[in-house]
C-alpha atoms as a PDB file:
ATOM      1  CA  MET A   1     -23.400  23.235   0.837  1.00  0.00           C
ATOM      2  CA  ALA A   2     -23.944  22.191  -2.780  1.00  0.00           C
ATOM      3  CA  ASP A   3     -26.336  19.368  -3.615  1.00  0.00           C
ATOM      4  CA  LEU A   4     -24.592  16.038  -3.304  1.00  0.00           C
ATOM      5  CA  LYS A   5     -24.981  13.217  -5.802  1.00  0.00           C
ATOM      6  CA  TYR A   6     -23.911  10.641  -3.224  1.00  0.00           C
ATOM      7  CA  LYS A   7     -25.486  10.737   0.223  1.00  0.00           C
ATOM      8  CA  LYS A   8     -24.237   7.311   1.258  1.00  0.00           C
ATOM      9  CA  ALA A   9     -20.622   6.112   1.341  1.00  0.00           C
ATOM     10  CA  VAL A  10     -18.853   2.837   1.973  1.00  0.00           C
ATOM     11  CA  VAL A  11     -15.137   2.784   2.794  1.00  0.00           C
ATOM     12  CA  ILE A  12     -13.385  -0.549   2.271  1.00  0.00           C
ATOM     13  CA  GLY A  13      -9.939  -0.844   3.789  1.00  0.00           C
ATOM     14  CA  ASN A  14      -7.719  -1.618   6.731  1.00  0.00           C
ATOM     15  CA  GLY A  15      -6.019   0.651   9.212  1.00  0.00           C
ATOM     16  CA  LYS A  16      -5.682   4.386   9.586  1.00  0.00           C
ATOM     17  CA  LEU A  17      -6.205   5.322   5.927  1.00  0.00           C
ATOM     18  CA  ALA A  18      -9.706   3.817   5.903  1.00  0.00           C
ATOM     19  CA  LEU A  19     -10.522   5.558   9.183  1.00  0.00           C
ATOM     20  CA  ASP A  20      -9.235   8.916   7.925  1.00  0.00           C
ATOM     21  CA  CYS A  21     -11.180   8.619   4.649  1.00  0.00           C
ATOM     22  CA  ALA A  22     -14.382   7.886   6.562  1.00  0.00           C
ATOM     23  CA  GLY A  23     -13.755  10.950   8.724  1.00  0.00           C
ATOM     24  CA  LEU A  24     -13.336  13.181   5.675  1.00  0.00           C
ATOM     25  CA  ILE A  25     -16.574  11.922   4.128  1.00  0.00           C
ATOM     26  CA  LYS A  26     -18.441  12.284   7.433  1.00  0.00           C
ATOM     27  CA  LYS A  27     -17.966  16.051   7.182  1.00  0.00           C
ATOM     28  CA  TYR A  28     -20.346  16.003   4.207  1.00  0.00           C
ATOM     29  CA  ILE A  29     -22.750  13.105   4.820  1.00  0.00           C
ATOM     30  CA  ASN A  30     -23.849  11.064   7.816  1.00  0.00           C
ATOM     31  CA  ASP A  31     -24.390   7.674   6.183  1.00  0.00           C
ATOM     32  CA  VAL A  32     -20.832   6.317   6.194  1.00  0.00           C
ATOM     33  CA  CYS A  33     -19.953   2.669   6.700  1.00  0.00           C
ATOM     34  CA  VAL A  34     -16.442   1.225   7.089  1.00  0.00           C
ATOM     35  CA  ILE A  35     -15.916  -2.338   5.911  1.00  0.00           C
ATOM     36  CA  GLU A  36     -12.810  -4.303   6.705  1.00  0.00           C
ATOM     37  CA  TYR A  37     -12.136  -7.100   4.242  1.00  0.00           C
ATOM     38  CA  MET A  38     -11.656 -10.143   6.455  1.00  0.00           C
ATOM     39  CA  TYR A  39      -8.383 -12.023   6.255  1.00  0.00           C
ATOM     40  CA  GLY A  40      -7.806 -12.197   9.991  1.00  0.00           C
ATOM     41  CA  ARG A  41      -9.892 -12.553  13.127  1.00  0.00           C
ATOM     42  CA  SER A  42      -8.929  -9.481  15.129  1.00  0.00           C
ATOM     43  CA  SER A  43      -9.121  -5.824  14.279  1.00  0.00           C
ATOM     44  CA  SER A  44      -8.191  -2.540  15.926  1.00  0.00           C
ATOM     45  CA  LEU A  45     -10.116  -0.736  13.179  1.00  0.00           C
ATOM     46  CA  GLU A  46     -13.419  -1.826  14.708  1.00  0.00           C
ATOM     47  CA  LYS A  47     -12.485  -0.199  18.019  1.00  0.00           C
ATOM     48  CA  HIS A  48     -11.464   3.057  16.329  1.00  0.00           C
ATOM     49  CA  CYS A  49     -14.643   3.132  14.228  1.00  0.00           C
ATOM     50  CA  GLY A  50     -16.708   2.683  17.382  1.00  0.00           C
ATOM     51  CA  LYS A  51     -14.988   5.650  19.028  1.00  0.00           C
ATOM     52  CA  ALA A  52     -15.530   7.782  15.901  1.00  0.00           C
ATOM     53  CA  GLY A  53     -19.176   6.760  15.532  1.00  0.00           C
ATOM     54  CA  PHE A  54     -18.823   4.962  12.190  1.00  0.00           C
ATOM     55  CA  LEU A  55     -20.796   1.876  11.264  1.00  0.00           C
ATOM     56  CA  TYR A  56     -18.356  -1.037  10.922  1.00  0.00           C
ATOM     57  CA  GLU A  57     -18.502  -4.472   9.327  1.00  0.00           C
ATOM     58  CA  LEU A  58     -15.897  -7.237   9.081  1.00  0.00           C
ATOM     59  CA  LEU A  59     -16.807  -9.214   5.955  1.00  0.00           C
ATOM     60  CA  ASP A  60     -15.346 -12.014   3.868  1.00  0.00           C
ATOM     61  CA  LYS A  61     -15.318 -11.906   0.061  1.00  0.00           C
ATOM     62  CA  GLU A  62     -18.761 -13.427  -0.490  1.00  0.00           C
ATOM     63  CA  SER A  63     -20.433 -11.365   2.235  1.00  0.00           C
ATOM     64  CA  LEU A  64     -18.869  -8.136   0.997  1.00  0.00           C
ATOM     65  CA  THR A  65     -19.980  -8.826  -2.553  1.00  0.00           C
ATOM     66  CA  ARG A  66     -23.545  -9.499  -1.380  1.00  0.00           C
ATOM     67  CA  PHE A  67     -23.480  -6.315   0.703  1.00  0.00           C
ATOM     68  CA  LEU A  68     -22.508  -4.194  -2.286  1.00  0.00           C
ATOM     69  CA  GLU A  69     -24.999  -5.964  -4.546  1.00  0.00           C
ATOM     70  CA  GLY A  70     -27.771  -5.056  -2.110  1.00  0.00           C
ATOM     71  CA  ILE A  71     -27.130  -1.296  -2.177  1.00  0.00           C
ATOM     72  CA  THR A  72     -29.834   0.533  -4.135  1.00  0.00           C
ATOM     73  CA  GLU A  73     -29.002   4.174  -3.305  1.00  0.00           C
ATOM     74  CA  GLU A  74     -26.511   6.352  -5.168  1.00  0.00           C
ATOM     75  CA  THR A  75     -23.389   5.418  -3.204  1.00  0.00           C
ATOM     76  CA  LEU A  76     -19.707   6.318  -3.258  1.00  0.00           C
ATOM     77  CA  VAL A  77     -17.509   3.288  -2.576  1.00  0.00           C
ATOM     78  CA  VAL A  78     -13.946   4.110  -1.531  1.00  0.00           C
ATOM     79  CA  SER A  79     -11.281   1.416  -1.742  1.00  0.00           C
ATOM     80  CA  ALA A  80      -8.658   2.628   0.735  1.00  0.00           C
ATOM     81  CA  GLY A  81      -5.843   0.114   0.678  1.00  0.00           C
ATOM     82  CA  SER A  82      -8.107  -2.906   0.375  1.00  0.00           C
ATOM     83  CA  ILE A  83      -7.066  -6.138  -1.361  1.00  0.00           C
ATOM     84  CA  TYR A  84     -10.704  -6.944  -2.187  1.00  0.00           C
ATOM     85  CA  ILE A  85     -11.081  -7.305  -5.955  1.00  0.00           C
ATOM     86  CA  VAL A  86     -14.417  -5.773  -6.960  1.00  0.00           C
ATOM     87  CA  PRO A  87     -16.298  -7.968  -9.458  1.00  0.00           C
ATOM     88  CA  ASN A  88     -16.842  -6.351 -12.858  1.00  0.00           C
ATOM     89  CA  ASP A  89     -20.639  -6.547 -12.607  1.00  0.00           C
ATOM     90  CA  LEU A  90     -20.493  -4.456  -9.425  1.00  0.00           C
ATOM     91  CA  ILE A  91     -18.245  -1.861 -11.062  1.00  0.00           C
ATOM     92  CA  ALA A  92     -20.854  -1.620 -13.812  1.00  0.00           C
ATOM     93  CA  LYS A  93     -23.742  -0.898 -11.385  1.00  0.00           C
ATOM     94  CA  GLU A  94     -25.013   2.578 -12.236  1.00  0.00           C
ATOM     95  CA  ASN A  95     -25.791   3.553  -8.632  1.00  0.00           C
ATOM     96  CA  LEU A  96     -22.294   2.729  -7.374  1.00  0.00           C
ATOM     97  CA  CYS A  97     -19.248   4.916  -7.945  1.00  0.00           C
ATOM     98  CA  PHE A  98     -15.954   3.227  -7.064  1.00  0.00           C
ATOM     99  CA  ILE A  99     -12.748   5.163  -6.417  1.00  0.00           C
ATOM    100  CA  ASN A 100      -9.433   3.602  -5.467  1.00  0.00           C
ATOM    101  CA  TRP A 101      -6.277   4.726  -3.624  1.00  0.00           C
ATOM    102  CA  HIS A 102      -3.042   3.391  -5.042  1.00  0.00           C
ATOM    103  CA  ASN A 103       0.343   3.995  -3.449  1.00  0.00           C
ATOM    104  CA  ALA A 104       2.321   4.899  -6.561  1.00  0.00           C
ATOM    105  CA  LEU A 105       2.347   7.523  -9.286  1.00  0.00           C
ATOM    106  CA  LEU A 106       0.253   5.582 -11.764  1.00  0.00           C
ATOM    107  CA  PRO A 107       0.713   4.211 -14.321  1.00  0.00           C
ATOM    108  CA  GLU A 108       4.031   3.212 -12.722  1.00  0.00           C
ATOM    109  CA  HIS A 109       4.039   0.254 -10.329  1.00  0.00           C
ATOM    110  CA  LYS A 110       0.514  -1.036 -10.745  1.00  0.00           C
ATOM    111  CA  GLY A 111      -0.595  -3.913  -8.538  1.00  0.00           C
ATOM    112  CA  ARG A 112       0.745  -5.049  -5.180  1.00  0.00           C
ATOM    113  CA  PHE A 113       3.552  -3.778  -2.939  1.00  0.00           C
ATOM    114  CA  ALA A 114       4.152  -0.663  -5.027  1.00  0.00           C
ATOM    115  CA  GLU A 115       6.133   0.953  -2.197  1.00  0.00           C
ATOM    116  CA  SER A 116       8.617  -1.926  -2.255  1.00  0.00           C
ATOM    117  CA  TRP A 117       9.040  -1.809  -6.032  1.00  0.00           C
ATOM    118  CA  ALA A 118       9.620   1.959  -6.025  1.00  0.00           C
ATOM    119  CA  ILE A 119      12.492   1.508  -3.561  1.00  0.00           C
ATOM    120  CA  PHE A 120      13.958  -1.521  -5.332  1.00  0.00           C
ATOM    121  CA  SER A 121      13.783   0.238  -8.708  1.00  0.00           C
ATOM    122  CA  GLY A 122      15.784   3.186  -7.381  1.00  0.00           C
ATOM    123  CA  ASP A 123      13.023   5.662  -8.213  1.00  0.00           C
ATOM    124  CA  LYS A 124      13.758   9.284  -7.361  1.00  0.00           C
ATOM    125  CA  GLU A 125      10.130   9.906  -6.458  1.00  0.00           C
ATOM    126  CA  THR A 126       6.905   8.065  -5.865  1.00  0.00           C
ATOM    127  CA  GLY A 127       3.557   9.105  -4.429  1.00  0.00           C
ATOM    128  CA  ILE A 128      -0.115   8.215  -4.440  1.00  0.00           C
ATOM    129  CA  THR A 129      -2.940   8.206  -6.971  1.00  0.00           C
ATOM    130  CA  TRP A 130      -6.675   8.402  -6.405  1.00  0.00           C
ATOM    131  CA  HIS A 131      -8.434   7.095  -9.500  1.00  0.00           C
ATOM    132  CA  MET A 132     -11.700   5.671 -10.754  1.00  0.00           C
ATOM    133  CA  LEU A 133     -11.994   1.919 -10.353  1.00  0.00           C
ATOM    134  CA  THR A 134     -12.380  -0.012 -13.604  1.00  0.00           C
ATOM    135  CA  PRO A 135     -11.992  -3.671 -14.598  1.00  0.00           C
ATOM    136  CA  GLU A 136      -8.400  -2.885 -15.628  1.00  0.00           C
ATOM    137  CA  ILE A 137      -6.067  -3.126 -12.626  1.00  0.00           C
ATOM    138  CA  ASP A 138      -5.124   0.420 -11.561  1.00  0.00           C
ATOM    139  CA  GLY A 139      -6.218   1.674 -14.959  1.00  0.00           C
ATOM    140  CA  GLY A 140      -9.118   4.055 -14.313  1.00  0.00           C
ATOM    141  CA  ASP A 141      -9.051   7.802 -14.936  1.00  0.00           C
ATOM    142  CA  ILE A 142      -7.021   9.829 -12.447  1.00  0.00           C
ATOM    143  CA  ILE A 143      -8.704  12.005  -9.819  1.00  0.00           C
ATOM    144  CA  ILE A 144      -5.519  13.303  -8.195  1.00  0.00           C
ATOM    145  CA  ARG A 145      -1.843  12.352  -7.964  1.00  0.00           C
ATOM    146  CA  CYS A 146       0.614  13.601  -5.330  1.00  0.00           C
ATOM    147  CA  LYS A 147       4.379  13.091  -5.236  1.00  0.00           C
ATOM    148  CA  ILE A 148       6.809  11.995  -2.529  1.00  0.00           C
ATOM    149  CA  PRO A 149      10.558  12.503  -3.128  1.00  0.00           C
ATOM    150  CA  LEU A 150      12.687   9.500  -2.217  1.00  0.00           C
ATOM    151  CA  SER A 151      15.924  10.027  -0.283  1.00  0.00           C
ATOM    152  CA  GLY A 152      17.324   6.514  -0.568  1.00  0.00           C
ATOM    153  CA  THR A 153      16.833   5.762   3.132  1.00  0.00           C
ATOM    154  CA  GLU A 154      13.147   4.787   3.174  1.00  0.00           C
ATOM    155  CA  THR A 155      12.016   1.282   4.018  1.00  0.00           C
ATOM    156  CA  ALA A 156       8.936  -0.305   2.498  1.00  0.00           C
ATOM    157  CA  LEU A 157       7.095   0.115   5.797  1.00  0.00           C
ATOM    158  CA  SER A 158       8.073   3.737   6.430  1.00  0.00           C
ATOM    159  CA  LEU A 159       7.216   4.696   2.846  1.00  0.00           C
ATOM    160  CA  PHE A 160       3.844   2.969   3.019  1.00  0.00           C
ATOM    161  CA  LYS A 161       2.974   4.958   6.143  1.00  0.00           C
ATOM    162  CA  LYS A 162       3.879   8.218   4.355  1.00  0.00           C
ATOM    163  CA  GLN A 163       1.719   7.212   1.397  1.00  0.00           C
ATOM    164  CA  CYS A 164      -1.249   6.511   3.657  1.00  0.00           C
ATOM    165  CA  GLU A 165      -0.909   9.956   5.246  1.00  0.00           C
ATOM    166  CA  LEU A 166      -0.658  11.596   1.843  1.00  0.00           C
ATOM    167  CA  GLY A 167      -3.651   9.596   0.632  1.00  0.00           C
ATOM    168  CA  SER A 168      -6.022  11.101   3.184  1.00  0.00           C
ATOM    169  CA  GLU A 169      -4.488  14.561   2.732  1.00  0.00           C
ATOM    170  CA  ALA A 170      -5.053  14.390  -1.030  1.00  0.00           C
ATOM    171  CA  LEU A 171      -8.607  13.109  -0.661  1.00  0.00           C
ATOM    172  CA  SER A 172      -9.502  16.002   1.614  1.00  0.00           C
ATOM    173  CA  GLY A 173      -9.031  18.414  -1.295  1.00  0.00           C
ATOM    174  CA  VAL A 174     -11.286  16.583  -3.744  1.00  0.00           C
ATOM    175  CA  ILE A 175     -13.872  14.687  -1.696  1.00  0.00           C
ATOM    176  CA  GLY A 176     -16.431  17.507  -1.950  1.00  0.00           C
ATOM    177  CA  ALA A 177     -16.303  17.503  -5.752  1.00  0.00           C
ATOM    178  CA  ILE A 178     -16.436  13.692  -5.804  1.00  0.00           C
ATOM    179  CA  LEU A 179     -19.579  13.617  -3.657  1.00  0.00           C
ATOM    180  CA  GLU A 180     -21.153  16.278  -5.882  1.00  0.00           C
ATOM    181  CA  GLY A 181     -20.347  14.145  -8.942  1.00  0.00           C
ATOM    182  CA  LYS A 182     -18.359  17.025 -10.434  1.00  0.00           C
ATOM    183  CA  VAL A 183     -14.766  15.889 -10.017  1.00  0.00           C
ATOM    184  CA  THR A 184     -12.387  16.592 -12.914  1.00  0.00           C
ATOM    185  CA  LEU A 185     -10.767  13.434 -14.307  1.00  0.00           C
ATOM    186  CA  THR A 186      -7.528  12.958 -16.223  1.00  0.00           C
ATOM    187  CA  PRO A 187      -7.141   9.970 -18.576  1.00  0.00           C
ATOM    188  CA  MET A 188      -4.762   7.335 -17.236  1.00  0.00           C
ATOM    189  CA  PRO A 189      -1.547   7.276 -19.316  1.00  0.00           C
ATOM    190  CA  LYS A 190      -0.684   4.015 -21.012  1.00  0.00           C
ATOM    191  CA  GLY A 191       2.205   1.836 -19.920  1.00  0.00           C
ATOM    192  CA  GLY A 192       3.621   1.059 -16.518  1.00  0.00           C
ATOM    193  CA  THR A 193       4.610  -2.237 -14.937  1.00  0.00           C
ATOM    194  CA  LEU A 194       2.161  -4.551 -13.176  1.00  0.00           C
ATOM    195  CA  HIS A 195       3.412  -6.326 -10.048  1.00  0.00           C
ATOM    196  CA  LEU A 196       1.451  -9.348  -8.873  1.00  0.00           C
ATOM    197  CA  SER A 197       1.211 -10.423  -5.225  1.00  0.00           C
ATOM    198  CA  LYS A 198       3.544 -13.350  -5.942  1.00  0.00           C
ATOM    199  CA  ASP A 199       6.260 -11.042  -7.325  1.00  0.00           C
ATOM    200  CA  ILE A 200       9.129 -10.234  -4.947  1.00  0.00           C
ATOM    201  CA  PRO A 201      12.078  -7.949  -5.777  1.00  0.00           C
ATOM    202  CA  ALA A 202      15.067 -10.117  -6.805  1.00  0.00           C
ATOM    203  CA  ASP A 203      13.075 -13.058  -5.427  1.00  0.00           C
ATOM    204  CA  GLY A 204      14.167 -11.785  -2.017  1.00  0.00           C
ATOM    205  CA  MET A 205      17.780 -12.896  -2.579  1.00  0.00           C
ATOM    206  CA  LEU A 206      20.540 -10.476  -1.564  1.00  0.00           C
ATOM    207  CA  ASP A 207      23.608 -10.480  -3.820  1.00  0.00           C
ATOM    208  CA  LEU A 208      26.708  -9.686  -1.759  1.00  0.00           C
ATOM    209  CA  ASN A 209      28.642  -8.996  -4.970  1.00  0.00           C
ATOM    210  CA  ALA A 210      26.350  -6.122  -5.918  1.00  0.00           C
ATOM    211  CA  GLY A 211      27.155  -2.471  -5.238  1.00  0.00           C
ATOM    212  CA  PHE A 212      26.032  -0.617  -2.131  1.00  0.00           C
ATOM    213  CA  LYS A 213      23.053   1.063  -3.795  1.00  0.00           C
ATOM    214  CA  GLU A 214      21.682  -2.255  -5.050  1.00  0.00           C
ATOM    215  CA  ILE A 215      22.219  -3.975  -1.692  1.00  0.00           C
ATOM    216  CA  SER A 216      20.642  -1.101   0.237  1.00  0.00           C
ATOM    217  CA  ALA A 217      17.688  -0.951  -2.158  1.00  0.00           C
ATOM    218  CA  LEU A 218      16.861  -4.634  -1.747  1.00  0.00           C
ATOM    219  CA  LEU A 219      17.233  -4.581   2.042  1.00  0.00           C
ATOM    220  CA  ARG A 220      14.929  -1.577   2.328  1.00  0.00           C
ATOM    221  CA  ALA A 221      12.457  -2.872  -0.277  1.00  0.00           C
ATOM    222  CA  MET A 222      12.044  -6.082   1.730  1.00  0.00           C
ATOM    223  CA  ASP A 223      11.802  -4.237   5.046  1.00  0.00           C
ATOM    224  CA  TYR A 224       8.309  -4.325   6.504  1.00  0.00           C
ATOM    225  CA  GLY A 225       9.695  -4.809   9.996  1.00  0.00           C
ATOM    226  CA  ALA A 226       8.251  -7.687  11.967  1.00  0.00           C
ATOM    227  CA  LEU A 227       5.283  -7.842   9.549  1.00  0.00           C
ATOM    228  CA  MET A 228       7.573  -9.438   6.922  1.00  0.00           C
ATOM    229  CA  LEU A 229       4.910  -9.004   4.208  1.00  0.00           C
ATOM    230  CA  LEU A 230       7.323 -10.260   1.548  1.00  0.00           C
ATOM    231  CA  GLY A 231       8.894 -12.867   3.809  1.00  0.00           C
ATOM    232  CA  LYS A 232      12.488 -12.875   4.999  1.00  0.00           C
ATOM    233  CA  THR A 233      15.410 -11.767   2.873  1.00  0.00           C
ATOM    234  CA  LYS A 234      17.821 -14.544   1.873  1.00  0.00           C
ATOM    235  CA  VAL A 235      21.565 -14.453   1.300  1.00  0.00           C
ATOM    236  CA  SER A 236      24.159 -17.000   0.193  1.00  0.00           C
ATOM    237  CA  ILE A 237      27.382 -17.046   2.244  1.00  0.00           C
ATOM    238  CA  GLY A 238      30.084 -19.686   1.840  1.00  0.00           C
ATOM    239  CA  GLY A 239      27.814 -21.953  -0.159  1.00  0.00           C
ATOM    240  CA  GLU A 240      25.024 -21.899   2.436  1.00  0.00           C
ATOM    241  CA  THR A 241      21.756 -19.973   2.276  1.00  0.00           C
ATOM    242  CA  PHE A 242      20.554 -17.952   5.252  1.00  0.00           C
ATOM    243  CA  SER A 243      17.385 -15.956   5.927  1.00  0.00           C
ATOM    244  CA  PHE A 244      16.926 -12.811   8.031  1.00  0.00           C
ATOM    245  CA  TYR A 245      14.812  -9.684   8.348  1.00  0.00           C
ATOM    246  CA  LYS A 246      16.828  -7.501  10.725  1.00  0.00           C
ATOM    247  CA  TYR A 247      19.809  -5.512   9.478  1.00  0.00           C
ATOM    248  CA  LYS A 248      21.734  -2.299  10.046  1.00  0.00           C
ATOM    249  CA  ILE A 249      23.274   0.128   7.564  1.00  0.00           C
ATOM    250  CA  SER A 250      25.810   2.458   9.154  1.00  0.00           C
ATOM    251  CA  ASP A 251      28.819   4.712   8.647  1.00  0.00           C
ATOM    252  CA  GLU A 252      30.344   3.115  11.737  1.00  0.00           C
ATOM    253  CA  PRO A 253      32.497  -0.002  11.290  1.00  0.00           C
ATOM    254  CA  VAL A 254      31.029  -3.387  12.185  1.00  0.00           C
ATOM    255  CA  PRO A 255      32.868  -6.699  12.723  1.00  0.00           C
ATOM    256  CA  GLU A 256      33.398  -8.266   9.304  1.00  0.00           C
ATOM    257  CA  GLY A 257      32.329 -11.843   8.700  1.00  0.00           C
ATOM    258  CA  PHE A 258      30.332 -13.914  11.148  1.00  0.00           C
ATOM    259  CA  SER A 259      29.936 -12.821  14.751  1.00  0.00           C
ATOM    260  CA  GLY A 260      27.568 -15.290  16.323  1.00  0.00           C
ATOM    261  CA  LYS A 261      24.397 -15.194  14.221  1.00  0.00           C
ATOM    262  CA  ASP A 262      25.276 -11.804  12.686  1.00  0.00           C
ATOM    263  CA  TYR A 263      27.243 -11.183   9.506  1.00  0.00           C
ATOM    264  CA  GLY A 264      28.991  -7.903   8.766  1.00  0.00           C
ATOM    265  CA  PHE A 265      30.621  -6.497   5.641  1.00  0.00           C
ATOM    266  CA  CYS A 266      31.655  -3.212   4.035  1.00  0.00           C
ATOM    267  CA  LYS A 267      30.540  -1.834   0.685  1.00  0.00           C
ATOM    268  CA  GLU A 268      31.900   1.399  -0.745  1.00  0.00           C
ATOM    269  CA  GLY A 269      32.598   2.842   2.696  1.00  0.00           C
ATOM    270  CA  LYS A 270      29.238   1.809   4.144  1.00  0.00           C
ATOM    271  CA  TYR A 271      28.943  -0.908   6.765  1.00  0.00           C
ATOM    272  CA  ILE A 272      26.130  -3.446   6.715  1.00  0.00           C
ATOM    273  CA  LEU A 273      25.237  -5.891   9.456  1.00  0.00           C
ATOM    274  CA  LEU A 274      22.809  -8.738   8.732  1.00  0.00           C
ATOM    275  CA  LYS A 275      21.297  -9.854  12.032  1.00  0.00           C
ATOM    276  CA  ASP A 276      20.031 -13.164  13.429  1.00  0.00           C
ATOM    277  CA  LEU A 277      20.772 -15.243  10.353  1.00  0.00           C
ATOM    278  CA  GLU A 278      19.090 -18.624  10.150  1.00  0.00           C
ATOM    279  CA  ARG A 279      20.205 -21.453   7.862  1.00  0.00           C
ATOM    280  CA  VAL A 280      17.668 -22.310   5.196  1.00  0.00           C
ATOM    281  CA  LYS A 281      17.288 -26.079   5.019  1.00  0.00           C
END
């Protein structure tokens, strides 16, 4: 095996992507730590890290910053779906190399909820980008980009899961060169749209007068299942506003209008059922 520049690695993230990235790095070096950025009080990641033999920490913002400040060895820091914003003085530390996974084909859809914006925008393809972390949001040089074609049936949640799988697959092909400090970089193209965490497609409001493609795109862009990461979708019917998160798009007819708490309608030969509507006061 070639000499490695980085013999210590820290993976910051949540869920399976962080675990998979740690596993890929563990094939090259033994000193791998997984850090979950704390915004809750329970974690399945800790259990999985224990089974895989990875060191694990659950840290808040201040503790994580202090942890990184205290590292003196040449260390690769992998941001794998983490919402932790690395301070600029840490990015500038010469012994730390930060790389970041982003779930879009940068420079398109920088920032948060890129999977949702790709669906809402009607993109024909999306993907993932591994890139160097810099003070500019999602602006560092590109390590690797991989594409995912969009069929027009994906939800935000199902697409995000695909992007996580592709993220670890892509990293597997370049992690050796990264650890050697010999990875080939491509300058990040200019442009692209930045989406902040407060930004929600169409403000989450469904327009029943829109065409089928627009209605379908918003429903699927808001669809994180029971997680409801962007909140519930809203719709105005008969002068009243309702909220919901469950729906069905089908070729089979559904009862039109209200049926209990459900509301059905037809658009361009497609049938849509909005389920369990609740009045917004």
